[in-house]
């Protein structure tokens, strides 16, 4: 009989280890920290990029119930997908590219590889949350410079076609209001 409790204890201890590869619960916070850093570095309006990230790659965190931007997100051919980790997202993008798909949005800020072919030195870098957010901040700043309006820049971040930009602008405005009500996000570590 004493062997049964020991066996049960071993089985219970093995369950968390087996579940670990699914997704690290802090991965959703990687985007938030990277976006907060990029916003500060580029002197962007507080939480505007956080709102864009929420719209672009937001997913509901099963543990907390919060909507968080997700670093391992891709969108290709109008279909968005969340992956459990960077390796799975990289494999998915490589498979799409092997099939000839070129217009692929990736990472926290959903930077499009076809429209921004020189944004990153590698696909791996494109999935780095801080590199992804820093490029998005530069692009958003360029858009604002030609429009002199941050919400117009946010709309153009998604599309310069009015019928696509207008609904996106409304979604970002709504997300921005939510983001402004949240506690401050600590910046990402050096990188």
C-alpha atoms as a PDB file:
ATOM      1  CA  UNK A   1       0.000   0.000   0.000  1.00  0.00           C
ATOM      2  CA  UNK A   2       2.739   2.616   0.727  1.00  0.00           C
ATOM      3  CA  UNK A   3       3.850   2.369  -2.917  1.00  0.00           C
ATOM      4  CA  UNK A   4       0.549   3.816  -4.176  1.00  0.00           C
ATOM      5  CA  UNK A   5       0.906   7.253  -2.534  1.00  0.00           C
ATOM      6  CA  UNK A   6       4.490   7.470  -3.781  1.00  0.00           C
ATOM      7  CA  UNK A   7       3.395   6.571  -7.319  1.00  0.00           C
ATOM      8  CA  UNK A   8       0.564   9.112  -7.168  1.00  0.00           C
ATOM      9  CA  UNK A   9       2.973  11.806  -5.955  1.00  0.00           C
ATOM     10  CA  UNK A  10       5.355  11.062  -8.845  1.00  0.00           C
ATOM     11  CA  UNK A  11       2.516  11.267 -11.363  1.00  0.00           C
ATOM     12  CA  UNK A  12       1.278  14.572  -9.953  1.00  0.00           C
ATOM     13  CA  UNK A  13       4.774  16.035 -10.022  1.00  0.00           C
ATOM     14  CA  UNK A  14       5.183  14.991 -13.668  1.00  0.00           C
ATOM     15  CA  UNK A  15       2.034  16.795 -14.868  1.00  0.00           C
ATOM     16  CA  UNK A  16       3.384  20.385 -14.669  1.00  0.00           C
ATOM     17  CA  UNK A  17       6.569  19.374 -16.463  1.00  0.00           C
ATOM     18  CA  UNK A  18       4.581  17.810 -19.283  1.00  0.00           C
ATOM     19  CA  UNK A  19       2.382  20.891 -19.597  1.00  0.00           C
ATOM     20  CA  UNK A  20       5.237  23.416 -19.748  1.00  0.00           C
ATOM     21  CA  UNK A  21       5.882  23.331 -23.532  1.00  0.00           C
ATOM     22  CA  UNK A  22       2.357  24.461 -24.385  1.00  0.00           C
ATOM     23  CA  UNK A  23       2.954  28.174 -23.778  1.00  0.00           C
ATOM     24  CA  UNK A  24       4.736  30.179 -21.154  1.00  0.00           C
ATOM     25  CA  UNK A  25       2.129  32.334 -19.400  1.00  0.00           C
ATOM     26  CA  UNK A  26       4.477  35.331 -19.449  1.00  0.00           C
ATOM     27  CA  UNK A  27       4.833  35.294 -23.253  1.00  0.00           C
ATOM     28  CA  UNK A  28       1.830  37.619 -23.505  1.00  0.00           C
ATOM     29  CA  UNK A  29       3.676  40.128 -21.356  1.00  0.00           C
ATOM     30  CA  UNK A  30       6.689  40.105 -23.710  1.00  0.00           C
ATOM     31  CA  UNK A  31       4.786  42.230 -26.223  1.00  0.00           C
ATOM     32  CA  UNK A  32       3.530  44.637 -23.573  1.00  0.00           C
ATOM     33  CA  UNK A  33       7.043  45.271 -22.244  1.00  0.00           C
ATOM     34  CA  UNK A  34       8.527  45.597 -25.743  1.00  0.00           C
ATOM     35  CA  UNK A  35       5.790  47.978 -26.869  1.00  0.00           C
ATOM     36  CA  UNK A  36       6.168  50.109 -23.727  1.00  0.00           C
ATOM     37  CA  UNK A  37       9.913  50.378 -24.388  1.00  0.00           C
ATOM     38  CA  UNK A  38       9.476  51.244 -28.074  1.00  0.00           C
ATOM     39  CA  UNK A  39       6.799  53.839 -27.264  1.00  0.00           C
ATOM     40  CA  UNK A  40       9.082  55.560 -24.759  1.00  0.00           C
ATOM     41  CA  UNK A  41      12.146  55.429 -27.015  1.00  0.00           C
ATOM     42  CA  UNK A  42      10.234  56.922 -29.966  1.00  0.00           C
ATOM     43  CA  UNK A  43       8.348  59.444 -27.804  1.00  0.00           C
ATOM     44  CA  UNK A  44       4.973  58.194 -29.047  1.00  0.00           C
ATOM     45  CA  UNK A  45       1.676  59.029 -27.377  1.00  0.00           C
ATOM     46  CA  UNK A  46       1.384  56.786 -24.307  1.00  0.00           C
ATOM     47  CA  UNK A  47      -0.393  53.517 -25.011  1.00  0.00           C
ATOM     48  CA  UNK A  48      -1.082  54.180 -28.709  1.00  0.00           C
ATOM     49  CA  UNK A  49       1.183  51.335 -29.805  1.00  0.00           C
ATOM     50  CA  UNK A  50      -0.228  49.167 -27.030  1.00  0.00           C
ATOM     51  CA  UNK A  51      -3.673  49.762 -28.527  1.00  0.00           C
ATOM     52  CA  UNK A  52      -2.429  48.880 -32.007  1.00  0.00           C
ATOM     53  CA  UNK A  53      -0.760  45.723 -30.659  1.00  0.00           C
ATOM     54  CA  UNK A  54      -4.007  44.754 -28.911  1.00  0.00           C
ATOM     55  CA  UNK A  55      -5.890  45.090 -32.208  1.00  0.00           C
ATOM     56  CA  UNK A  56      -3.183  43.443 -34.314  1.00  0.00           C
ATOM     57  CA  UNK A  57      -2.169  40.430 -32.226  1.00  0.00           C
ATOM     58  CA  UNK A  58      -4.418  40.467 -29.162  1.00  0.00           C
ATOM     59  CA  UNK A  59      -5.629  37.181 -27.785  1.00  0.00           C
ATOM     60  CA  UNK A  60      -7.395  36.283 -24.598  1.00  0.00           C
ATOM     61  CA  UNK A  61      -5.023  34.884 -22.004  1.00  0.00           C
ATOM     62  CA  UNK A  62      -6.663  31.681 -20.738  1.00  0.00           C
ATOM     63  CA  UNK A  63      -5.156  32.092 -17.267  1.00  0.00           C
ATOM     64  CA  UNK A  64      -6.001  35.742 -16.566  1.00  0.00           C
ATOM     65  CA  UNK A  65      -8.843  36.385 -19.020  1.00  0.00           C
ATOM     66  CA  UNK A  66      -7.048  39.549 -20.174  1.00  0.00           C
ATOM     67  CA  UNK A  67      -6.537  40.380 -23.826  1.00  0.00           C
ATOM     68  CA  UNK A  68      -2.810  40.535 -24.441  1.00  0.00           C
ATOM     69  CA  UNK A  69      -0.837  41.063 -27.647  1.00  0.00           C
ATOM     70  CA  UNK A  70       0.783  37.731 -28.501  1.00  0.00           C
ATOM     71  CA  UNK A  71       4.348  37.570 -29.877  1.00  0.00           C
ATOM     72  CA  UNK A  72       3.868  34.284 -31.738  1.00  0.00           C
ATOM     73  CA  UNK A  73       1.045  35.533 -33.983  1.00  0.00           C
ATOM     74  CA  UNK A  74       0.942  35.385 -37.755  1.00  0.00           C
ATOM     75  CA  UNK A  75      -1.667  36.460 -40.278  1.00  0.00           C
ATOM     76  CA  UNK A  76      -1.517  35.167 -43.824  1.00  0.00           C
ATOM     77  CA  UNK A  77      -4.172  35.322 -46.509  1.00  0.00           C
ATOM     78  CA  UNK A  78      -6.630  36.896 -44.071  1.00  0.00           C
ATOM     79  CA  UNK A  79      -6.268  34.179 -41.460  1.00  0.00           C
ATOM     80  CA  UNK A  80      -4.714  34.954 -38.097  1.00  0.00           C
ATOM     81  CA  UNK A  81      -3.111  32.224 -36.021  1.00  0.00           C
ATOM     82  CA  UNK A  82      -1.614  32.115 -32.538  1.00  0.00           C
ATOM     83  CA  UNK A  83       1.254  29.716 -31.901  1.00  0.00           C
ATOM     84  CA  UNK A  84       2.429  28.402 -28.527  1.00  0.00           C
ATOM     85  CA  UNK A  85       6.038  29.512 -28.967  1.00  0.00           C
ATOM     86  CA  UNK A  86       8.535  31.168 -31.277  1.00  0.00           C
ATOM     87  CA  UNK A  87       9.710  27.881 -32.814  1.00  0.00           C
ATOM     88  CA  UNK A  88       6.180  26.928 -33.865  1.00  0.00           C
ATOM     89  CA  UNK A  89       5.528  30.396 -35.317  1.00  0.00           C
ATOM     90  CA  UNK A  90       8.820  30.309 -37.244  1.00  0.00           C
ATOM     91  CA  UNK A  91       7.976  26.865 -38.640  1.00  0.00           C
ATOM     92  CA  UNK A  92       4.523  28.076 -39.715  1.00  0.00           C
ATOM     93  CA  UNK A  93       5.942  31.113 -41.536  1.00  0.00           C
ATOM     94  CA  UNK A  94       8.590  29.002 -43.260  1.00  0.00           C
ATOM     95  CA  UNK A  95       5.910  26.538 -44.394  1.00  0.00           C
ATOM     96  CA  UNK A  96       3.791  29.391 -45.784  1.00  0.00           C
ATOM     97  CA  UNK A  97       6.796  30.847 -47.588  1.00  0.00           C
ATOM     98  CA  UNK A  98       7.581  27.417 -49.057  1.00  0.00           C
ATOM     99  CA  UNK A  99       4.025  27.425 -50.464  1.00  0.00           C
ATOM    100  CA  UNK A 100       4.690  30.782 -52.116  1.00  0.00           C
ATOM    101  CA  UNK A 101       2.813  32.976 -49.626  1.00  0.00           C
ATOM    102  CA  UNK A 102       4.613  36.331 -49.344  1.00  0.00           C
ATOM    103  CA  UNK A 103       2.199  38.657 -47.554  1.00  0.00           C
ATOM    104  CA  UNK A 104       2.579  37.521 -43.949  1.00  0.00           C
ATOM    105  CA  UNK A 105       2.065  39.691 -40.859  1.00  0.00           C
ATOM    106  CA  UNK A 106       4.175  38.606 -37.910  1.00  0.00           C
ATOM    107  CA  UNK A 107       4.774  39.271 -34.245  1.00  0.00           C
ATOM    108  CA  UNK A 108       3.378  41.631 -31.645  1.00  0.00           C
ATOM    109  CA  UNK A 109       2.836  44.456 -34.116  1.00  0.00           C
ATOM    110  CA  UNK A 110       2.018  42.270 -37.149  1.00  0.00           C
ATOM    111  CA  UNK A 111       4.709  43.740 -39.399  1.00  0.00           C
ATOM    112  CA  UNK A 112       4.099  42.586 -42.979  1.00  0.00           C
ATOM    113  CA  UNK A 113       7.071  40.820 -44.549  1.00  0.00           C
ATOM    114  CA  UNK A 114       6.107  41.698 -48.134  1.00  0.00           C
ATOM    115  CA  UNK A 115       5.548  45.409 -47.506  1.00  0.00           C
ATOM    116  CA  UNK A 116       8.529  45.735 -45.130  1.00  0.00           C
ATOM    117  CA  UNK A 117      11.130  43.355 -46.619  1.00  0.00           C
ATOM    118  CA  UNK A 118      14.105  45.168 -45.051  1.00  0.00           C
ATOM    119  CA  UNK A 119      12.635  45.650 -41.586  1.00  0.00           C
ATOM    120  CA  UNK A 120      14.557  42.780 -40.016  1.00  0.00           C
ATOM    121  CA  UNK A 121      17.863  41.027 -40.605  1.00  0.00           C
ATOM    122  CA  UNK A 122      16.167  37.632 -40.268  1.00  0.00           C
ATOM    123  CA  UNK A 123      12.853  35.953 -39.632  1.00  0.00           C
ATOM    124  CA  UNK A 124      14.043  35.146 -36.116  1.00  0.00           C
ATOM    125  CA  UNK A 125      14.643  38.850 -35.463  1.00  0.00           C
ATOM    126  CA  UNK A 126      11.186  39.688 -36.801  1.00  0.00           C
ATOM    127  CA  UNK A 127       9.688  37.547 -34.045  1.00  0.00           C
ATOM    128  CA  UNK A 128      11.793  39.234 -31.359  1.00  0.00           C
ATOM    129  CA  UNK A 129       9.166  41.333 -29.526  1.00  0.00           C
ATOM    130  CA  UNK A 130      11.460  44.324 -28.985  1.00  0.00           C
ATOM    131  CA  UNK A 131      12.795  44.363 -32.565  1.00  0.00           C
ATOM    132  CA  UNK A 132       9.230  44.014 -33.868  1.00  0.00           C
ATOM    133  CA  UNK A 133       7.962  46.863 -31.671  1.00  0.00           C
ATOM    134  CA  UNK A 134      10.912  49.135 -32.467  1.00  0.00           C
ATOM    135  CA  UNK A 135      10.364  48.736 -36.201  1.00  0.00           C
ATOM    136  CA  UNK A 136       6.639  49.399 -35.769  1.00  0.00           C
ATOM    137  CA  UNK A 137       7.435  52.562 -33.775  1.00  0.00           C
ATOM    138  CA  UNK A 138       9.689  53.849 -36.575  1.00  0.00           C
ATOM    139  CA  UNK A 139       7.043  53.081 -39.190  1.00  0.00           C
ATOM    140  CA  UNK A 140       4.270  54.709 -37.133  1.00  0.00           C
ATOM    141  CA  UNK A 141       6.454  57.803 -36.636  1.00  0.00           C
ATOM    142  CA  UNK A 142       7.014  58.031 -40.417  1.00  0.00           C
ATOM    143  CA  UNK A 143       3.273  57.766 -41.009  1.00  0.00           C
ATOM    144  CA  UNK A 144       2.562  60.480 -38.443  1.00  0.00           C
ATOM    145  CA  UNK A 145       5.166  62.740 -40.048  1.00  0.00           C
ATOM    146  CA  UNK A 146       3.278  62.706 -43.330  1.00  0.00           C
ATOM    147  CA  UNK A 147      -0.160  63.066 -41.716  1.00  0.00           C
ATOM    148  CA  UNK A 148       0.406  65.223 -38.604  1.00  0.00           C
ATOM    149  CA  UNK A 149      -2.234  63.171 -36.790  1.00  0.00           C
ATOM    150  CA  UNK A 150      -1.569  60.109 -34.654  1.00  0.00           C
ATOM    151  CA  UNK A 151      -4.932  58.466 -35.290  1.00  0.00           C
ATOM    152  CA  UNK A 152      -4.533  58.987 -39.044  1.00  0.00           C
ATOM    153  CA  UNK A 153      -1.100  57.381 -38.716  1.00  0.00           C
ATOM    154  CA  UNK A 154      -2.618  54.468 -36.781  1.00  0.00           C
ATOM    155  CA  UNK A 155      -5.214  53.991 -39.527  1.00  0.00           C
ATOM    156  CA  UNK A 156      -2.516  54.017 -42.206  1.00  0.00           C
ATOM    157  CA  UNK A 157      -0.488  51.525 -40.162  1.00  0.00           C
ATOM    158  CA  UNK A 158      -3.137  49.002 -41.133  1.00  0.00           C
ATOM    159  CA  UNK A 159      -4.168  50.291 -44.554  1.00  0.00           C
ATOM    160  CA  UNK A 160      -4.120  53.428 -46.639  1.00  0.00           C
ATOM    161  CA  UNK A 161      -7.362  52.343 -48.305  1.00  0.00           C
ATOM    162  CA  UNK A 162     -10.152  54.383 -46.644  1.00  0.00           C
ATOM    163  CA  UNK A 163     -12.718  51.564 -46.444  1.00  0.00           C
ATOM    164  CA  UNK A 164     -10.222  49.426 -44.497  1.00  0.00           C
ATOM    165  CA  UNK A 165      -8.601  52.247 -42.530  1.00  0.00           C
ATOM    166  CA  UNK A 166     -11.820  53.723 -41.075  1.00  0.00           C
ATOM    167  CA  UNK A 167     -13.048  50.609 -39.211  1.00  0.00           C
ATOM    168  CA  UNK A 168      -9.498  49.894 -38.049  1.00  0.00           C
ATOM    169  CA  UNK A 169      -9.224  53.433 -36.693  1.00  0.00           C
ATOM    170  CA  UNK A 170     -12.393  52.878 -34.650  1.00  0.00           C
ATOM    171  CA  UNK A 171     -11.018  49.616 -33.241  1.00  0.00           C
ATOM    172  CA  UNK A 172      -7.716  51.284 -32.295  1.00  0.00           C
ATOM    173  CA  UNK A 173      -9.546  54.223 -30.666  1.00  0.00           C
ATOM    174  CA  UNK A 174     -11.592  51.796 -28.577  1.00  0.00           C
ATOM    175  CA  UNK A 175      -8.505  49.763 -27.638  1.00  0.00           C
ATOM    176  CA  UNK A 176      -6.605  52.962 -26.798  1.00  0.00           C
ATOM    177  CA  UNK A 177      -9.311  53.945 -24.318  1.00  0.00           C
ATOM    178  CA  UNK A 178      -8.999  50.522 -22.665  1.00  0.00           C
ATOM    179  CA  UNK A 179      -5.189  50.678 -22.638  1.00  0.00           C
ATOM    180  CA  UNK A 180      -5.165  54.121 -21.024  1.00  0.00           C
ATOM    181  CA  UNK A 181      -7.130  52.691 -18.105  1.00  0.00           C
ATOM    182  CA  UNK A 182      -4.611  49.915 -17.396  1.00  0.00           C
ATOM    183  CA  UNK A 183      -1.670  50.142 -14.973  1.00  0.00           C
ATOM    184  CA  UNK A 184       1.700  51.125 -16.430  1.00  0.00           C
ATOM    185  CA  UNK A 185       3.720  48.368 -18.093  1.00  0.00           C
ATOM    186  CA  UNK A 186       7.376  48.075 -17.130  1.00  0.00           C
ATOM    187  CA  UNK A 187       9.735  48.408 -20.106  1.00  0.00           C
ATOM    188  CA  UNK A 188      11.546  45.456 -21.641  1.00  0.00           C
ATOM    189  CA  UNK A 189      15.030  44.610 -20.484  1.00  0.00           C
ATOM    190  CA  UNK A 190      18.031  45.766 -22.504  1.00  0.00           C
ATOM    191  CA  UNK A 191      18.014  44.552 -26.059  1.00  0.00           C
END
